[in-house]
Amino acid sequence: MYQRFRTIAEKYPDRIAITGEHHSATYRQLSEEAATLASLIPEGAVVLIALPGGPHFTAIQLACLGAGAVAVPIPDKSTPREIRNYLALIRPDWVVTDAIDNSRAFTDSPVTLLCLREEEGGGAISEHHRVLIWAQVMDSRTIPDFPDPHGAGLPPETAMIQFTSGSTGRPKGILLSRDNLRACLENSHAFLAGFSGRDIFCPMPQFHAFGNAVVLEHLLNGSPVHLTNRFVPGDDLRRMTDYACTGLFCAPNYIRLLMQLNVLTPENLPALDAVCMGTAAADQGLIRNLREQLPDADIWLRYGLAETVGTLTRLKIPAGKTLSHPGQVGRPVPGTEIAPGLLRPDEGPPGEIRVRSGVVGLGQLSEPGHWTPLANEAGFFATGDLGYMDEAGQLHLRGRISTFIKRNGFRVNPFEIEALLRDIPGIHEAVVVGIPDPLSGERIVACAEPASEVPDTPALMKICREHLSAYKIPQRFMAVEKLPRNPAGKPDRPAIRSLAG
């Protein structure tokens, strides 16, 4: 993977490789920074990346590939509570952040802190920590007496840990190998070749599985990638126009927002000829409205998971066409097999989708140094998604087995929010559910059973903002005198969802 990037960089040294809102890098610049960092990071080191998407994030991830280290991206706006949850599973050797002050939550154990900028003020950094500033590292190119990695107990082929929501209220760490990353490129070779050398725009966070895959896939095929870390429609439109972006890779909700503003038109974006959506199902109404605004563009729908690098199935909706069936996500990409036995709607209830592919991750971290394989002995991974295959070999999604909430392309774990709410004085029990929403996919509704007087909505919102990322914060709080329960005495989620809806 790293050598492939170096080859592309040598071929197109002066071509823009990647941009963010405030920084850009050519292939030569990105290659030089990645090479410098790769020469410093020890093999096997665990490198936690808490940066906004863009050139710096990409340079450190490429450096990890070159050094044989393990890249661990997390949201750059993670709260201290969320950081503690990540650190309960991994012990990083390096932590890369925007500024020194932002690194203080990571300093419970000795690490090397690499910061983009230096700020005065804040609490002291432990004397056991080595603090490096990005520009100084690039100038000196040497770090004497670098400590050996802690030893993470991970499989030696691990290249990356992708965090996603877990069923216990804590995130789960998916172990991805170099072979997984290579399979991602190989399985989508024909699709990616169609974008080679063409600029694309991606508003998905780079720490997100989809956003990260888009960057690596296209960067290693010679396509300049333009990222944004916040939704500012005017800026996004300007950058897509300035760079003559031909492809837009995003979540369905991003398309809905642009269409509401009536800016997603050929007049505003004359170079745009392809839209690719992932992270959540796109409904027929959305595709129909998008087709009205972009009649000549190709529309692609992608199905993938955090546990699988890149794409499992892909559907092309050519110019002039719309989505023929709800939940349709296309045929498996080359190198991917879907286990037989999925029943069509007229044959019975939907079954769980199981896949076998080189993109299925190695395993899942259950505790530090301990992991369990994702695939069974036959090589199939149970996705947790329900669906069926039609006569033409197209996969159709029919929902999920689990209780995860899909909001704005993010998979939100209700148990994490519930655990926070139960710690609040006055709340006896809390259940968080997702309610269908045409704009965001699902609204997050928190239902609380009081033990005494429950704090009001502003107070609850304040607590959630302090401890949760923005996309996890409930849009509505409900006080319910007695939550519905099933015969086992557990909260009845379907009944509570009906109550909240």
Protein backbone atom coordinates (compact mmCIF):
# COMPACT_ATOMS: atom_id res chain seq x y z
CA MET A 1 0.00 0.00 0.00
CA TYR A 2 2.70 2.47 0.99
CA GLN A 3 4.88 1.63 -2.00
CA ARG A 4 1.87 2.01 -4.27
CA PHE A 5 1.36 5.52 -2.92
CA ARG A 6 5.06 6.33 -3.44
CA THR A 7 4.77 5.17 -7.06
CA ILE A 8 1.74 7.40 -7.65
CA ALA A 9 3.52 10.32 -5.97
CA GLU A 10 6.55 9.90 -8.23
CA LYS A 11 4.29 9.84 -11.28
CA TYR A 12 2.28 12.95 -10.31
CA PRO A 13 4.55 14.92 -7.92
CA ASP A 14 3.01 18.35 -8.52
CA ARG A 15 -0.62 17.23 -8.64
CA ILE A 16 -2.77 18.19 -5.66
CA ALA A 17 -3.21 15.05 -3.56
CA ILE A 18 -5.50 16.18 -0.77
CA THR A 19 -7.03 19.34 0.66
CA GLY A 20 -8.94 20.33 3.77
CA GLU A 21 -10.58 23.62 4.63
CA HIS A 22 -7.26 25.26 5.53
CA HIS A 23 -4.45 23.09 4.17
CA SER A 24 -3.50 21.33 0.95
CA ALA A 25 -0.66 19.06 -0.15
CA THR A 26 0.69 17.89 -3.48
CA TYR A 27 1.66 14.28 -3.93
CA ARG A 28 5.32 15.27 -3.49
CA GLN A 29 4.65 17.17 -0.26
CA LEU A 30 2.49 14.39 1.15
CA SER A 31 5.07 11.77 0.19
CA GLU A 32 7.92 13.69 1.83
CA GLU A 33 6.01 14.22 5.09
CA ALA A 34 4.88 10.60 5.20
CA ALA A 35 8.44 9.40 4.55
CA THR A 36 9.83 11.58 7.34
CA LEU A 37 7.28 10.31 9.83
CA ALA A 38 7.67 6.69 8.67
CA SER A 39 11.40 6.89 9.42
CA LEU A 40 10.64 7.90 13.02
CA ILE A 41 7.72 5.68 14.01
CA PRO A 42 8.83 2.24 15.28
CA GLU A 43 7.43 -0.88 13.68
CA GLY A 44 4.44 -2.15 15.66
CA ALA A 45 3.76 1.19 17.36
CA VAL A 46 0.11 2.05 17.99
CA VAL A 47 -0.55 5.57 16.67
CA LEU A 48 -3.78 7.22 17.79
CA ILE A 49 -4.88 9.92 15.30
CA ALA A 50 -7.17 12.62 16.72
CA LEU A 51 -7.00 15.12 13.86
CA PRO A 52 -9.49 16.74 11.51
CA GLY A 53 -9.49 15.21 8.06
CA GLY A 54 -6.97 16.54 5.58
CA PRO A 55 -3.27 16.47 4.65
CA HIS A 56 -1.86 15.97 8.18
CA PHE A 57 -4.24 13.10 8.98
CA THR A 58 -3.37 11.47 5.65
CA ALA A 59 0.39 11.90 6.08
CA ILE A 60 0.41 10.19 9.47
CA GLN A 61 -1.80 7.34 8.23
CA LEU A 62 0.47 6.76 5.22
CA ALA A 63 3.47 6.92 7.55
CA CYS A 64 1.96 4.15 9.65
CA LEU A 65 1.62 1.99 6.54
CA GLY A 66 5.24 2.70 5.65
CA ALA A 67 6.56 2.03 9.14
CA GLY A 68 4.52 -1.10 9.82
CA ALA A 69 2.71 0.70 12.64
CA VAL A 70 -0.98 0.56 13.58
CA ALA A 71 -3.11 3.63 12.77
CA VAL A 72 -6.06 4.27 15.11
CA PRO A 73 -8.26 7.16 13.93
CA ILE A 74 -10.80 8.63 16.36
CA PRO A 75 -13.00 11.77 16.17
CA ASP A 76 -10.87 14.86 16.73
CA LYS A 77 -13.68 16.35 18.85
CA SER A 78 -13.92 13.35 21.20
CA THR A 79 -14.91 14.19 24.76
CA PRO A 80 -12.79 13.04 27.74
CA ARG A 81 -15.38 10.38 28.49
CA GLU A 82 -15.17 9.02 24.94
CA ILE A 83 -11.38 9.10 25.02
CA ARG A 84 -11.39 7.03 28.21
CA ASN A 85 -13.52 4.45 26.42
CA TYR A 86 -11.00 4.23 23.57
CA LEU A 87 -8.08 3.97 25.98
CA ALA A 88 -9.84 1.13 27.80
CA LEU A 89 -9.12 -0.98 24.69
CA ILE A 90 -5.79 0.31 23.41
CA ARG A 91 -2.56 1.68 24.82
CA PRO A 92 -1.12 4.07 22.22
CA ASP A 93 2.59 4.71 21.77
CA TRP A 94 1.95 7.91 19.81
CA VAL A 95 -0.95 10.36 20.02
CA VAL A 96 -1.33 12.87 17.19
CA THR A 97 -3.53 15.90 17.92
CA ASP A 98 -4.14 19.41 16.67
CA ALA A 99 -2.63 21.16 19.70
CA ILE A 100 -0.88 20.37 22.98
CA ASP A 101 -3.88 21.47 25.02
CA ASN A 102 -6.04 18.97 23.14
CA SER A 103 -3.71 16.12 24.08
CA ARG A 104 -4.11 16.29 27.85
CA ALA A 105 -6.91 13.74 28.00
CA PHE A 106 -4.57 11.15 26.45
CA THR A 107 -1.77 11.42 28.97
CA ASP A 108 -2.59 8.77 31.58
CA SER A 109 0.31 6.61 30.35
CA PRO A 110 3.67 7.52 28.79
CA VAL A 111 3.25 8.38 25.11
CA THR A 112 4.86 10.47 22.41
CA LEU A 113 2.62 13.45 21.66
CA LEU A 114 2.84 14.84 18.14
CA CYS A 115 0.95 18.14 17.85
CA LEU A 116 0.29 20.30 14.81
CA ARG A 117 0.74 23.48 16.81
CA GLU A 118 2.02 24.59 20.18
CA GLU A 119 -0.18 26.54 22.58
CA GLU A 120 0.67 28.20 25.84
CA GLY A 121 -1.42 27.65 28.93
CA GLY A 122 -3.34 24.65 30.20
CA GLY A 123 -2.16 22.02 32.63
CA ALA A 124 1.29 20.50 32.66
CA ILE A 125 2.24 17.53 30.51
CA SER A 126 3.80 14.65 32.42
CA GLU A 127 7.60 14.47 32.36
CA HIS A 128 7.21 10.92 31.06
CA HIS A 129 5.75 12.22 27.79
CA ARG A 130 7.72 13.31 24.79
CA VAL A 131 6.12 16.35 23.10
CA LEU A 132 6.86 16.96 19.43
CA ILE A 133 5.65 19.79 17.20
CA TRP A 134 4.92 18.85 13.58
CA ALA A 135 6.94 21.63 11.92
CA GLN A 136 9.96 20.97 14.13
CA VAL A 137 9.85 17.26 13.32
CA MET A 138 9.78 18.04 9.60
CA ASP A 139 12.78 20.35 9.99
CA SER A 140 14.94 18.10 12.15
CA ARG A 141 13.87 14.72 10.75
CA THR A 142 15.39 12.94 13.76
CA ILE A 143 14.16 11.98 17.21
CA PRO A 144 16.91 10.54 19.41
CA ASP A 145 16.29 7.71 21.87
CA PHE A 146 12.79 6.88 20.70
CA PRO A 147 11.21 4.42 23.18
CA ASP A 148 10.18 0.94 22.08
CA PRO A 149 6.45 0.29 21.55
CA HIS A 150 4.51 -0.84 24.59
CA GLY A 151 3.50 -4.07 22.88
CA ALA A 152 -0.20 -4.13 22.07
CA GLY A 153 -0.73 -7.89 21.73
CA LEU A 154 -2.28 -7.38 18.29
CA PRO A 155 -1.87 -9.70 15.29
CA PRO A 156 1.37 -8.70 13.52
CA GLU A 157 -0.49 -8.03 10.26
CA THR A 158 -2.71 -5.36 11.89
CA ALA A 159 -2.48 -2.05 9.99
CA MET A 160 -5.41 -0.15 11.46
CA ILE A 161 -8.02 -0.20 14.20
CA GLN A 162 -11.37 1.21 13.10
CA PHE A 163 -13.56 2.13 16.06
CA THR A 164 -17.31 1.79 15.77
CA SER A 165 -20.24 1.50 18.17
CA GLY A 166 -20.38 -1.61 20.34
CA SER A 167 -23.29 -3.38 21.99
CA THR A 168 -22.08 -2.77 25.56
CA GLY A 169 -22.04 1.03 25.53
CA ARG A 170 -18.34 1.17 24.68
CA PRO A 171 -16.85 1.40 21.20
CA LYS A 172 -15.54 -1.74 19.57
CA GLY A 173 -12.20 -1.80 17.82
CA ILE A 174 -12.12 -3.55 14.45
CA LEU A 175 -8.69 -4.89 13.49
CA LEU A 176 -7.90 -4.33 9.83
CA SER A 177 -4.89 -5.83 8.06
CA ARG A 178 -2.73 -4.69 5.17
CA ASP A 179 -4.33 -7.47 3.12
CA ASN A 180 -7.76 -5.99 3.94
CA LEU A 181 -6.65 -2.61 2.62
CA ARG A 182 -5.18 -4.17 -0.53
CA ALA A 183 -8.37 -6.15 -1.13
CA CYS A 184 -10.37 -2.93 -0.85
CA LEU A 185 -8.42 -1.49 -3.79
CA GLU A 186 -8.45 -4.69 -5.83
CA ASN A 187 -12.18 -5.37 -5.39
CA SER A 188 -13.07 -1.86 -6.59
CA HIS A 189 -10.37 -1.54 -9.26
CA ALA A 190 -12.72 -1.02 -12.21
CA PHE A 191 -14.83 1.54 -10.36
CA LEU A 192 -11.83 3.49 -9.08
CA ALA A 193 -10.17 3.48 -12.50
CA GLY A 194 -13.10 5.53 -13.78
CA PHE A 195 -12.13 8.35 -11.40
CA SER A 196 -8.35 8.16 -11.88
CA GLY A 197 -6.89 11.65 -12.13
CA ARG A 198 -10.27 13.31 -11.53
CA ASP A 199 -10.93 15.48 -8.48
CA ILE A 200 -13.52 14.26 -5.96
CA PHE A 201 -15.17 15.90 -2.94
CA CYS A 202 -15.95 14.03 0.28
CA PRO A 203 -17.67 15.68 3.28
CA MET A 204 -17.46 12.51 5.41
CA PRO A 205 -15.09 12.65 8.42
CA GLN A 206 -11.81 10.92 7.71
CA PHE A 207 -12.02 8.96 10.98
CA HIS A 208 -15.27 7.42 9.66
CA ALA A 209 -14.93 4.08 7.86
CA PHE A 210 -16.49 5.45 4.66
CA GLY A 211 -14.52 8.70 4.66
CA ASN A 212 -11.25 6.90 5.35
CA ALA A 213 -11.87 4.36 2.60
CA VAL A 214 -12.69 7.09 0.07
CA VAL A 215 -9.39 8.86 0.78
CA LEU A 216 -7.20 5.77 0.51
CA GLU A 217 -9.02 4.33 -2.51
CA HIS A 218 -8.83 7.48 -4.60
CA LEU A 219 -5.50 8.84 -3.39
CA LEU A 220 -3.82 5.57 -4.39
CA ASN A 221 -5.43 5.79 -7.82
CA GLY A 222 -4.14 9.28 -8.57
CA SER A 223 -7.37 11.14 -7.80
CA PRO A 224 -7.11 14.39 -5.80
CA VAL A 225 -9.41 14.22 -2.75
CA HIS A 226 -10.98 17.32 -1.18
CA LEU A 227 -12.31 16.98 2.37
CA THR A 228 -14.37 19.11 4.69
CA ASN A 229 -14.86 18.74 8.43
CA ARG A 230 -17.94 20.92 8.82
CA PHE A 231 -21.04 21.65 6.80
CA VAL A 232 -20.73 25.11 5.28
CA PRO A 233 -22.65 24.89 1.98
CA GLY A 234 -21.15 28.02 0.44
CA ASP A 235 -17.59 26.89 1.13
CA ASP A 236 -18.29 23.35 -0.08
CA LEU A 237 -19.82 24.63 -3.30
CA ARG A 238 -16.92 27.02 -3.89
CA ARG A 239 -14.30 24.32 -3.39
CA MET A 240 -16.13 21.82 -5.59
CA THR A 241 -16.26 24.49 -8.29
CA ASP A 242 -12.67 25.70 -7.85
CA TYR A 243 -11.28 22.17 -8.12
CA ALA A 244 -13.75 21.12 -10.85
CA CYS A 245 -14.79 18.08 -8.81
CA THR A 246 -16.37 15.39 -10.95
CA GLY A 247 -17.39 13.09 -8.08
CA LEU A 248 -19.21 13.68 -4.79
CA PHE A 249 -18.87 10.93 -2.15
CA CYS A 250 -21.18 11.45 0.82
CA ALA A 251 -24.04 10.26 3.02
CA PRO A 252 -27.66 10.57 1.81
CA ASN A 253 -28.32 13.28 4.39
CA TYR A 254 -25.70 15.54 2.80
CA ILE A 255 -27.54 15.28 -0.51
CA ARG A 256 -30.85 16.11 1.21
CA LEU A 257 -29.37 19.24 2.75
CA LEU A 258 -27.89 20.45 -0.54
CA MET A 259 -31.18 19.83 -2.34
CA GLN A 260 -33.09 21.75 0.32
CA LEU A 261 -30.81 24.69 -0.44
CA ASN A 262 -31.36 24.14 -4.17
CA VAL A 263 -27.62 24.32 -4.92
CA LEU A 264 -27.05 20.82 -6.30
CA THR A 265 -27.54 21.74 -9.95
CA PRO A 266 -25.52 21.48 -13.19
CA GLU A 267 -25.37 25.27 -13.30
CA ASN A 268 -23.63 25.44 -9.91
CA LEU A 269 -21.49 22.33 -10.41
CA PRO A 270 -20.87 21.94 -14.15
CA ALA A 271 -18.06 19.38 -13.74
CA LEU A 272 -20.01 17.06 -11.41
CA ASP A 273 -21.01 13.88 -13.24
CA ALA A 274 -21.13 11.29 -10.44
CA VAL A 275 -22.62 11.07 -6.94
CA CYS A 276 -21.77 8.11 -4.71
CA MET A 277 -23.67 7.60 -1.45
CA GLY A 278 -22.87 5.31 1.46
CA THR A 279 -23.30 4.93 5.26
CA ALA A 280 -27.11 4.61 5.08
CA ALA A 281 -29.81 3.44 2.70
CA ALA A 282 -31.03 5.96 0.13
CA ASP A 283 -34.79 5.92 -0.40
CA GLN A 284 -36.53 6.12 -3.75
CA GLY A 285 -37.82 9.63 -3.09
CA LEU A 286 -34.31 10.95 -2.50
CA ILE A 287 -33.01 9.36 -5.70
CA ARG A 288 -35.98 10.67 -7.65
CA ASN A 289 -35.41 14.23 -6.39
CA LEU A 290 -31.67 13.98 -7.01
CA ARG A 291 -32.31 12.79 -10.54
CA GLU A 292 -34.49 15.84 -11.17
CA GLN A 293 -31.65 18.14 -10.08
CA LEU A 294 -28.84 16.19 -11.79
CA PRO A 295 -30.49 14.49 -14.79
CA ASP A 296 -27.23 13.50 -16.50
CA ALA A 297 -25.11 12.37 -13.55
CA ASP A 298 -24.39 8.76 -12.64
CA ILE A 299 -25.65 7.89 -9.16
CA TRP A 300 -23.88 5.15 -7.23
CA LEU A 301 -25.11 3.44 -4.06
CA ARG A 302 -22.55 1.67 -1.90
CA TYR A 303 -23.06 -0.86 0.88
CA GLY A 304 -20.28 -1.45 3.38
CA LEU A 305 -19.57 -1.67 7.10
CA ALA A 306 -16.90 -0.60 9.58
CA GLU A 307 -16.00 -4.29 9.86
CA THR A 308 -15.33 -4.45 6.12
CA VAL A 309 -12.89 -2.05 4.47
CA GLY A 310 -14.52 -0.27 1.56
CA THR A 311 -17.39 -1.69 -0.45
CA LEU A 312 -19.34 -4.96 -0.37
CA THR A 313 -21.95 -4.16 -3.02
CA ARG A 314 -22.35 -1.29 -5.46
CA LEU A 315 -25.28 -0.16 -7.60
CA LYS A 316 -24.99 2.15 -10.57
CA ILE A 317 -28.05 4.22 -11.47
CA PRO A 318 -27.18 5.63 -14.89
CA ALA A 319 -28.21 9.02 -16.25
CA GLY A 320 -31.96 9.33 -16.66
CA LYS A 321 -32.77 6.39 -14.34
CA THR A 322 -34.00 6.19 -10.73
CA LEU A 323 -33.99 3.55 -8.00
CA SER A 324 -36.32 0.73 -9.02
CA HIS A 325 -36.78 -0.91 -5.58
CA PRO A 326 -36.43 0.39 -1.99
CA GLY A 327 -33.34 -0.88 -0.21
CA GLN A 328 -31.61 -1.95 -3.42
CA VAL A 329 -27.80 -1.68 -3.13
CA GLY A 330 -26.54 -3.63 -6.12
CA ARG A 331 -24.43 -6.69 -6.84
CA PRO A 332 -21.46 -7.84 -4.77
CA VAL A 333 -18.20 -6.31 -5.97
CA PRO A 334 -15.54 -8.70 -7.32
CA GLY A 335 -13.97 -10.74 -4.55
CA THR A 336 -17.09 -10.63 -2.38
CA GLU A 337 -19.55 -13.48 -1.83
CA ILE A 338 -22.91 -13.30 -0.06
CA ALA A 339 -23.98 -16.51 1.64
CA PRO A 340 -26.97 -18.20 -0.04
CA GLY A 341 -30.30 -18.75 1.66
CA LEU A 342 -31.68 -15.20 1.85
CA LEU A 343 -35.42 -15.36 1.23
CA ARG A 344 -37.27 -12.95 -1.04
CA PRO A 345 -40.28 -11.13 0.48
CA ASP A 346 -42.74 -13.57 -1.11
CA GLU A 347 -40.83 -16.54 0.31
CA GLY A 348 -40.54 -15.59 3.97
CA PRO A 349 -38.94 -13.21 6.46
CA PRO A 350 -35.63 -11.55 5.62
CA GLY A 351 -32.46 -13.26 6.79
CA GLU A 352 -29.17 -11.94 8.10
CA ILE A 353 -26.67 -11.00 5.41
CA ARG A 354 -23.40 -12.93 5.72
CA VAL A 355 -20.40 -12.06 3.55
CA ARG A 356 -17.07 -13.64 2.66
CA SER A 357 -14.44 -11.30 1.27
CA GLY A 358 -10.85 -10.18 1.62
CA VAL A 359 -12.15 -6.89 3.04
CA VAL A 360 -13.63 -8.51 6.18
CA GLY A 361 -11.49 -7.41 9.11
CA LEU A 362 -9.27 -9.69 11.16
CA GLY A 363 -11.28 -9.41 14.33
CA GLN A 364 -12.70 -7.30 17.11
CA LEU A 365 -10.93 -6.13 20.26
CA SER A 366 -12.77 -7.34 23.34
CA GLU A 367 -10.20 -6.02 25.83
CA PRO A 368 -6.61 -4.80 25.58
CA GLY A 369 -4.53 -7.41 23.77
CA HIS A 370 -7.46 -9.79 23.31
CA TRP A 371 -9.51 -10.12 20.14
CA THR A 372 -12.01 -12.45 18.50
CA PRO A 373 -12.22 -13.23 14.76
CA LEU A 374 -15.03 -11.59 12.79
CA ALA A 375 -15.53 -14.45 10.32
CA ASN A 376 -16.60 -18.00 11.14
CA GLU A 377 -14.66 -21.12 10.17
CA ALA A 378 -16.11 -20.96 6.65
CA GLY A 379 -14.93 -17.37 6.30
CA PHE A 380 -18.35 -15.70 6.49
CA PHE A 381 -19.02 -12.58 8.58
CA ALA A 382 -22.51 -11.97 9.98
CA THR A 383 -23.28 -8.31 9.26
CA GLY A 384 -26.29 -7.79 11.52
CA ASP A 385 -28.18 -6.44 8.49
CA LEU A 386 -31.30 -8.09 7.09
CA GLY A 387 -31.91 -8.47 3.38
CA TYR A 388 -32.54 -10.64 0.34
CA MET A 389 -31.14 -11.29 -3.13
CA ASP A 390 -33.39 -10.84 -6.16
CA GLU A 391 -33.37 -12.92 -9.34
CA ALA A 392 -30.82 -10.59 -10.94
CA GLY A 393 -28.32 -11.07 -8.10
CA GLN A 394 -29.00 -7.65 -6.57
CA LEU A 395 -28.90 -7.25 -2.80
CA HIS A 396 -31.80 -5.48 -1.07
CA LEU A 397 -31.52 -4.24 2.53
CA ARG A 398 -34.47 -4.76 4.89
CA GLY A 399 -33.25 -3.27 8.19
CA ARG A 400 -31.02 -4.33 11.08
CA ILE A 401 -31.13 -6.97 13.74
CA SER A 402 -29.54 -4.75 16.35
CA THR A 403 -30.73 -1.64 18.13
CA PHE A 404 -28.12 0.70 16.64
CA ILE A 405 -29.39 4.06 15.43
CA LYS A 406 -28.27 5.42 12.05
CA ARG A 407 -28.16 9.23 12.11
CA ASN A 408 -26.57 11.40 9.44
CA GLY A 409 -24.50 8.44 8.30
CA PHE A 410 -23.17 7.66 11.80
CA ARG A 411 -23.94 4.45 13.65
CA VAL A 412 -24.97 5.55 17.14
CA ASN A 413 -24.98 3.14 20.04
CA PRO A 414 -27.99 3.84 22.30
CA PHE A 415 -26.35 1.98 25.19
CA GLU A 416 -23.59 4.59 25.43
CA ILE A 417 -26.15 7.40 25.78
CA GLU A 418 -28.26 5.36 28.22
CA ALA A 419 -25.24 4.71 30.44
CA LEU A 420 -24.59 8.45 30.65
CA LEU A 421 -28.23 9.28 31.44
CA ARG A 422 -28.47 6.63 34.18
CA ASP A 423 -25.60 8.35 35.98
CA ILE A 424 -27.65 11.54 36.30
CA PRO A 425 -29.35 12.01 39.70
CA GLY A 426 -33.12 11.72 39.36
CA ILE A 427 -33.09 9.18 36.51
CA HIS A 428 -33.90 5.57 37.41
CA GLU A 429 -33.91 4.06 33.93
CA ALA A 430 -33.20 5.39 30.45
CA VAL A 431 -33.88 3.96 27.00
CA VAL A 432 -32.73 5.63 23.80
CA VAL A 433 -34.43 4.82 20.50
CA GLY A 434 -34.29 5.94 16.91
CA ILE A 435 -37.36 7.39 15.22
CA PRO A 436 -37.45 7.55 11.39
CA ASP A 437 -36.63 11.00 10.06
CA PRO A 438 -36.64 11.92 6.35
CA LEU A 439 -33.71 14.32 6.72
CA SER A 440 -31.25 12.59 9.05
CA GLY A 441 -32.29 8.94 8.76
CA GLU A 442 -33.30 8.67 12.42
CA ARG A 443 -33.92 11.10 15.27
CA ILE A 444 -32.47 10.14 18.65
CA VAL A 445 -35.11 10.17 21.40
CA ALA A 446 -34.14 9.59 25.04
CA CYS A 447 -36.90 8.27 27.33
CA ALA A 448 -36.21 8.56 31.05
CA GLU A 449 -38.03 6.88 33.94
CA PRO A 450 -37.64 9.15 36.99
CA ALA A 451 -36.47 8.10 40.43
CA SER A 452 -37.20 11.61 41.64
CA GLU A 453 -37.34 14.91 39.82
CA VAL A 454 -35.71 14.59 36.38
CA PRO A 455 -33.57 17.54 35.23
CA ASP A 456 -35.21 19.65 32.54
CA THR A 457 -34.32 19.38 28.86
CA PRO A 458 -31.73 22.21 28.81
CA ALA A 459 -29.91 20.61 31.74
CA LEU A 460 -29.94 17.18 30.09
CA MET A 461 -28.77 18.70 26.81
CA LYS A 462 -25.90 20.43 28.61
CA ILE A 463 -24.75 17.17 30.19
CA CYS A 464 -24.91 15.35 26.86
CA ARG A 465 -22.92 18.08 25.10
CA GLU A 466 -20.20 17.78 27.75
CA HIS A 467 -19.84 14.02 27.40
CA LEU A 468 -20.95 13.04 23.89
CA SER A 469 -19.97 13.91 20.34
CA ALA A 470 -22.48 16.13 18.57
CA TYR A 471 -23.92 13.35 16.40
CA LYS A 472 -24.81 11.28 19.51
CA ILE A 473 -26.82 13.97 21.32
CA PRO A 474 -30.57 13.20 21.50
CA GLN A 475 -32.88 15.58 19.68
CA ARG A 476 -35.67 14.97 22.19
CA PHE A 477 -35.99 13.99 25.86
CA MET A 478 -39.14 12.36 27.27
CA ALA A 479 -39.98 11.73 30.92
CA VAL A 480 -42.03 8.52 31.17
CA GLU A 481 -43.48 7.67 34.58
CA LYS A 482 -43.10 3.92 33.96
CA LEU A 483 -41.30 2.59 30.89
CA PRO A 484 -42.97 -0.38 29.16
CA ARG A 485 -41.29 -3.68 30.02
CA ASN A 486 -41.36 -7.16 28.53
CA PRO A 487 -42.16 -10.34 30.52
CA ALA A 488 -38.51 -10.62 31.55
CA GLY A 489 -38.73 -7.19 33.17
CA LYS A 490 -36.44 -5.54 30.64
CA PRO A 491 -37.41 -2.32 28.85
CA ASP A 492 -39.58 -3.14 25.83
CA ARG A 493 -37.77 -1.24 23.08
CA PRO A 494 -40.41 -1.71 20.35
CA ALA A 495 -43.12 -0.42 22.71
CA ILE A 496 -40.94 2.48 23.82
CA ARG A 497 -40.17 3.31 20.19
CA SER A 498 -43.93 3.44 19.48
CA LEU A 499 -44.42 5.65 22.52
CA ALA A 500 -41.66 8.01 21.40
CA GLY A 501 -42.85 8.15 17.80
